[in-house]
Amino acid sequence: MVKFVIVDDNRMHRKKVYDVIFSYMMNNNIDFEIHEFGNIDAKLSDFLKTTNKDAVYILDLELPGGDGIDVAREVRYQINDWVSPIIILTAHTSSYYKIYKQKLQILDFIGKCDDIDDDIRENIDISLRVLNQTGAYKFTYKNIGYNIPYSDIDYIQREERRTKIVTRNDIYYRNISINDIKKELPSYFVISLKGTLINTKNVLKINWNTCKVYFKDGKNGYLVSKNHKKELDENDS
């Protein structure tokens, strides 16, 4: 379970951040909750004292009762949580250096004047890795249980009567169809070729002239068809 904590006094802006988080997380097989606060008050303080450390904080810099740095300071020094990622939203980009000097391990600053959607999604992806919450594919094959992180899987392909799962370091097998295994995976596993799923988050580039996929870990293969270019472009990582 990952908890997202949004602290922002602007209701419309808070909703925008909420919607980006909700949309992104619904495409991942990871349990999550989103908690919203409009100010620094006793309600927020009580929540911080009882929450676990698998949280992602998205804090407005300027709040009626203080600022986002006060919340970050409470998370780090009073709760002693030095793991949970903290993201600051601000309209004052000139404050970056001053805040960095406070040694609060801020993950990122996002300017409110910018189109924040992509920045928030990118920060969520990093945060899930920090919290080791990227999710995993669990299955049993020949009475042996497996638990493979989604981030380790490059592609899945039908091979004769079995389906092989190709990861960074190994190959696993299951007696399951591609259509059925797709139902068990996050939406960023996309059909790229008949009988083939690729993890779009692990793709470095695709050469559409040769239909060859290059993965971030150095693997490559002829794993795409131009018939599926539209779906892959829509899931471009």
Protein backbone atom coordinates (compact mmCIF):
# COMPACT_ATOMS: atom_id res chain seq x y z
CA MET A 1 0.00 0.00 0.00
CA VAL A 2 1.28 3.42 -1.01
CA LYS A 3 -0.20 6.55 0.49
CA PHE A 4 -0.14 9.82 -1.42
CA VAL A 5 -0.41 12.92 0.74
CA ILE A 6 -1.39 16.16 -1.01
CA VAL A 7 -1.16 19.38 1.00
CA ASP A 8 -2.42 22.40 -0.93
CA ASP A 9 -4.88 25.12 0.07
CA ASN A 10 -6.11 25.58 -3.51
CA ARG A 11 -8.95 23.09 -3.98
CA MET A 12 -8.82 23.17 -7.78
CA HIS A 13 -5.08 22.64 -7.86
CA ARG A 14 -5.39 19.86 -5.28
CA LYS A 15 -7.97 18.13 -7.48
CA LYS A 16 -5.69 18.38 -10.50
CA VAL A 17 -2.87 16.67 -8.62
CA TYR A 18 -5.34 14.07 -7.28
CA ASP A 19 -6.59 13.28 -10.80
CA VAL A 20 -3.06 12.81 -12.16
CA ILE A 21 -2.15 10.44 -9.32
CA PHE A 22 -5.40 8.49 -9.59
CA SER A 23 -5.12 8.07 -13.36
CA TYR A 24 -1.47 7.00 -13.16
CA MET A 25 -1.96 4.52 -10.31
CA MET A 26 -5.02 2.90 -11.85
CA ASN A 27 -2.70 1.65 -14.59
CA ASN A 28 -0.53 -0.13 -12.02
CA ASN A 29 -1.40 -3.22 -9.99
CA ILE A 30 -0.50 -1.49 -6.72
CA ASP A 31 -2.79 -0.67 -3.79
CA PHE A 32 -2.88 3.03 -3.02
CA GLU A 33 -4.70 5.72 -1.09
CA ILE A 34 -4.80 9.48 -1.65
CA HIS A 35 -5.14 11.82 1.34
CA GLU A 36 -5.82 15.53 0.89
CA PHE A 37 -5.20 18.42 3.27
CA GLY A 38 -5.79 22.11 2.73
CA ASN A 39 -3.55 23.47 5.47
CA ILE A 40 -1.10 22.69 8.23
CA ASP A 41 -3.29 21.88 11.21
CA ALA A 42 -3.91 19.30 13.93
CA LYS A 43 -5.66 16.98 11.47
CA LEU A 44 -2.57 16.82 9.27
CA SER A 45 -0.24 16.48 12.25
CA ASP A 46 -2.27 13.57 13.67
CA PHE A 47 -2.24 11.87 10.27
CA LEU A 48 1.55 12.20 9.96
CA LYS A 49 2.05 10.61 13.37
CA THR A 50 -0.01 7.53 12.49
CA THR A 51 0.89 6.91 8.85
CA ASN A 52 3.51 4.39 7.78
CA LYS A 53 6.62 5.28 5.81
CA ASP A 54 5.35 4.07 2.43
CA ALA A 55 4.08 7.53 1.54
CA VAL A 56 4.65 10.12 -1.16
CA TYR A 57 4.24 13.75 -0.10
CA ILE A 58 3.25 16.41 -2.63
CA LEU A 59 3.39 19.73 -0.82
CA ASP A 60 2.48 23.26 -1.81
CA LEU A 61 5.27 25.61 -0.77
CA GLU A 62 2.94 28.38 0.42
CA LEU A 63 0.16 27.46 2.85
CA PRO A 64 -2.06 29.60 5.14
CA GLY A 65 -0.60 28.08 8.31
CA GLY A 66 3.03 27.93 7.18
CA ASP A 67 4.62 26.30 4.18
CA GLY A 68 5.38 22.91 2.70
CA ILE A 69 8.85 22.96 4.20
CA ASP A 70 7.28 22.89 7.69
CA VAL A 71 5.53 19.66 6.70
CA ALA A 72 8.73 18.23 5.20
CA ARG A 73 10.61 19.12 8.38
CA GLU A 74 8.00 17.33 10.49
CA VAL A 75 8.19 14.22 8.29
CA ARG A 76 11.98 14.10 8.43
CA TYR A 77 12.85 15.25 11.94
CA GLN A 78 9.81 14.60 14.13
CA ILE A 79 8.58 11.37 12.58
CA ASN A 80 12.12 10.37 11.55
CA ASP A 81 10.95 9.29 8.11
CA TRP A 82 13.90 9.69 5.75
CA VAL A 83 12.52 7.27 3.16
CA SER A 84 9.25 8.73 1.90
CA PRO A 85 9.74 10.93 -1.19
CA ILE A 86 8.80 14.61 -0.84
CA ILE A 87 7.83 16.73 -3.85
CA ILE A 88 7.40 20.49 -3.58
CA LEU A 89 4.96 22.48 -5.72
CA THR A 90 5.86 26.15 -6.02
CA ALA A 91 5.34 29.21 -8.15
CA HIS A 92 8.65 30.61 -6.89
CA THR A 93 11.41 28.68 -8.62
CA SER A 94 13.99 31.02 -7.09
CA SER A 95 13.47 29.23 -3.76
CA TYR A 96 15.00 25.95 -4.98
CA TYR A 97 18.55 26.50 -3.73
CA LYS A 98 17.46 27.89 -0.37
CA ILE A 99 15.26 24.85 0.27
CA TYR A 100 17.90 22.36 -0.88
CA LYS A 101 20.28 23.80 1.71
CA GLN A 102 17.91 22.72 4.48
CA LYS A 103 18.94 19.10 3.86
CA LEU A 104 15.43 17.63 3.79
CA GLN A 105 16.10 15.26 0.88
CA ILE A 106 13.49 16.81 -1.39
CA LEU A 107 12.97 14.62 -4.46
CA ASP A 108 11.91 17.40 -6.82
CA PHE A 109 10.46 20.87 -7.26
CA ILE A 110 7.61 21.33 -9.72
CA GLY A 111 6.78 24.81 -10.94
CA LYS A 112 3.07 25.56 -10.75
CA CYS A 113 3.34 27.70 -13.84
CA ASP A 114 4.38 24.67 -15.88
CA ASP A 115 2.29 21.80 -17.24
CA ILE A 116 2.65 19.67 -14.13
CA ASP A 117 1.03 16.42 -15.36
CA ASP A 118 4.15 14.86 -16.89
CA ASP A 119 6.34 16.03 -14.00
CA ILE A 120 4.03 14.46 -11.43
CA ARG A 121 3.84 11.18 -13.33
CA GLU A 122 7.62 11.05 -13.63
CA ASN A 123 8.01 11.73 -9.91
CA ILE A 124 5.46 9.04 -9.01
CA ASP A 125 7.43 6.53 -11.06
CA ILE A 126 10.64 7.46 -9.24
CA SER A 127 8.88 7.43 -5.87
CA LEU A 128 7.54 3.91 -6.38
CA ARG A 129 11.08 2.75 -7.10
CA VAL A 130 12.37 4.51 -3.99
CA LEU A 131 9.69 2.77 -1.92
CA ASN A 132 10.25 -0.55 -3.70
CA GLN A 133 6.58 -0.48 -4.67
CA THR A 134 6.76 -1.00 -8.42
CA GLY A 135 4.68 -4.16 -8.08
CA ALA A 136 5.45 -7.76 -8.96
CA TYR A 137 4.06 -10.58 -11.06
CA LYS A 138 3.31 -13.59 -8.88
CA PHE A 139 2.63 -17.05 -10.28
CA THR A 140 3.31 -20.74 -9.79
CA TYR A 141 4.90 -23.00 -12.40
CA LYS A 142 5.59 -26.69 -11.80
CA ASN A 143 4.84 -26.24 -8.08
CA ILE A 144 7.40 -23.45 -7.70
CA GLY A 145 6.26 -19.96 -6.73
CA TYR A 146 7.72 -16.89 -8.44
CA ASN A 147 7.56 -13.21 -7.57
CA ILE A 148 9.07 -11.13 -10.38
CA PRO A 149 9.12 -7.31 -10.15
CA TYR A 150 7.32 -5.75 -13.12
CA SER A 151 10.33 -3.52 -13.64
CA ASP A 152 12.51 -6.60 -14.32
CA ILE A 153 10.33 -7.92 -17.16
CA ASP A 154 11.32 -6.80 -20.66
CA TYR A 155 8.89 -8.84 -22.72
CA ILE A 156 6.60 -11.87 -22.71
CA GLN A 157 6.21 -14.10 -25.76
CA ARG A 158 4.40 -17.23 -26.77
CA GLU A 159 6.86 -20.04 -27.50
CA GLU A 160 5.29 -23.23 -28.81
CA ARG A 161 2.95 -24.43 -26.06
CA ARG A 162 4.37 -22.23 -23.33
CA THR A 163 4.69 -18.52 -22.69
CA LYS A 164 8.14 -17.25 -21.79
CA ILE A 165 8.75 -14.27 -19.53
CA VAL A 166 12.06 -12.59 -20.37
CA THR A 167 13.59 -10.51 -17.58
CA ARG A 168 16.86 -8.64 -17.11
CA ASN A 169 18.66 -11.72 -15.85
CA ASP A 170 16.57 -14.81 -16.55
CA ILE A 171 13.75 -16.46 -18.50
CA TYR A 172 10.67 -17.98 -16.87
CA TYR A 173 7.81 -20.01 -18.32
CA ARG A 174 4.06 -20.39 -17.77
CA ASN A 175 1.30 -22.43 -19.33
CA ILE A 176 -0.93 -19.46 -20.09
CA SER A 177 -2.05 -17.55 -23.18
CA ILE A 178 -0.82 -14.05 -23.99
CA ASN A 179 -4.36 -12.69 -23.70
CA ASP A 180 -4.80 -14.19 -20.23
CA ILE A 181 -1.43 -13.05 -18.93
CA LYS A 182 -2.10 -9.53 -20.20
CA LYS A 183 -5.13 -9.34 -17.92
CA GLU A 184 -2.85 -9.94 -14.93
CA LEU A 185 -0.36 -7.15 -15.79
CA PRO A 186 -0.36 -3.34 -15.66
CA SER A 187 -1.56 -1.53 -18.77
CA TYR A 188 1.96 -0.53 -19.82
CA PHE A 189 2.52 -4.13 -20.94
CA VAL A 190 1.34 -3.75 -24.53
CA ILE A 191 0.83 -6.22 -27.36
CA SER A 192 3.56 -5.37 -29.88
CA LEU A 193 3.42 -8.39 -32.17
CA LYS A 194 1.25 -11.48 -32.44
CA GLY A 195 1.91 -13.50 -29.31
CA THR A 196 4.16 -10.83 -27.77
CA LEU A 197 3.85 -8.29 -24.94
CA ILE A 198 6.53 -5.72 -24.21
CA ASN A 199 7.05 -3.66 -21.07
CA THR A 200 6.96 -0.13 -22.50
CA LYS A 201 8.62 1.27 -19.37
CA ASN A 202 11.78 -0.72 -20.16
CA VAL A 203 12.00 0.27 -23.83
CA LEU A 204 14.89 2.54 -24.75
CA LYS A 205 13.91 2.93 -28.40
CA ILE A 206 12.14 1.20 -31.28
CA ASN A 207 13.52 1.14 -34.81
CA TRP A 208 10.36 1.01 -36.89
CA ASN A 209 12.33 0.47 -40.08
CA THR A 210 13.63 -2.87 -38.82
CA CYS A 211 10.88 -3.50 -36.20
CA LYS A 212 13.60 -3.99 -33.61
CA VAL A 213 13.17 -3.09 -29.92
CA TYR A 214 16.08 -1.92 -27.78
CA PHE A 215 15.63 -2.24 -24.01
CA LYS A 216 17.29 -0.13 -21.34
CA ASP A 217 19.20 -3.14 -19.98
CA GLY A 218 20.89 -3.81 -23.34
CA LYS A 219 18.61 -6.55 -24.65
CA ASN A 220 17.08 -6.22 -28.10
CA GLY A 221 14.95 -8.20 -30.50
CA TYR A 222 12.52 -8.10 -33.42
CA LEU A 223 9.48 -7.76 -31.20
CA VAL A 224 7.17 -5.24 -32.87
CA SER A 225 4.86 -5.03 -35.82
CA LYS A 226 3.89 -1.79 -37.54
CA ASN A 227 0.28 -2.90 -37.07
CA HIS A 228 0.71 -2.12 -33.34
CA LYS A 229 2.57 1.18 -33.69
CA LYS A 230 -0.41 3.25 -32.57
CA GLU A 231 -0.82 1.35 -29.27
CA LEU A 232 2.91 1.54 -28.58
CA ASP A 233 3.08 5.25 -29.34
CA GLU A 234 0.22 5.85 -26.91
CA ASN A 235 2.19 4.04 -24.19
CA ASP A 236 5.53 5.66 -24.98
CA SER A 237 7.57 5.56 -21.78
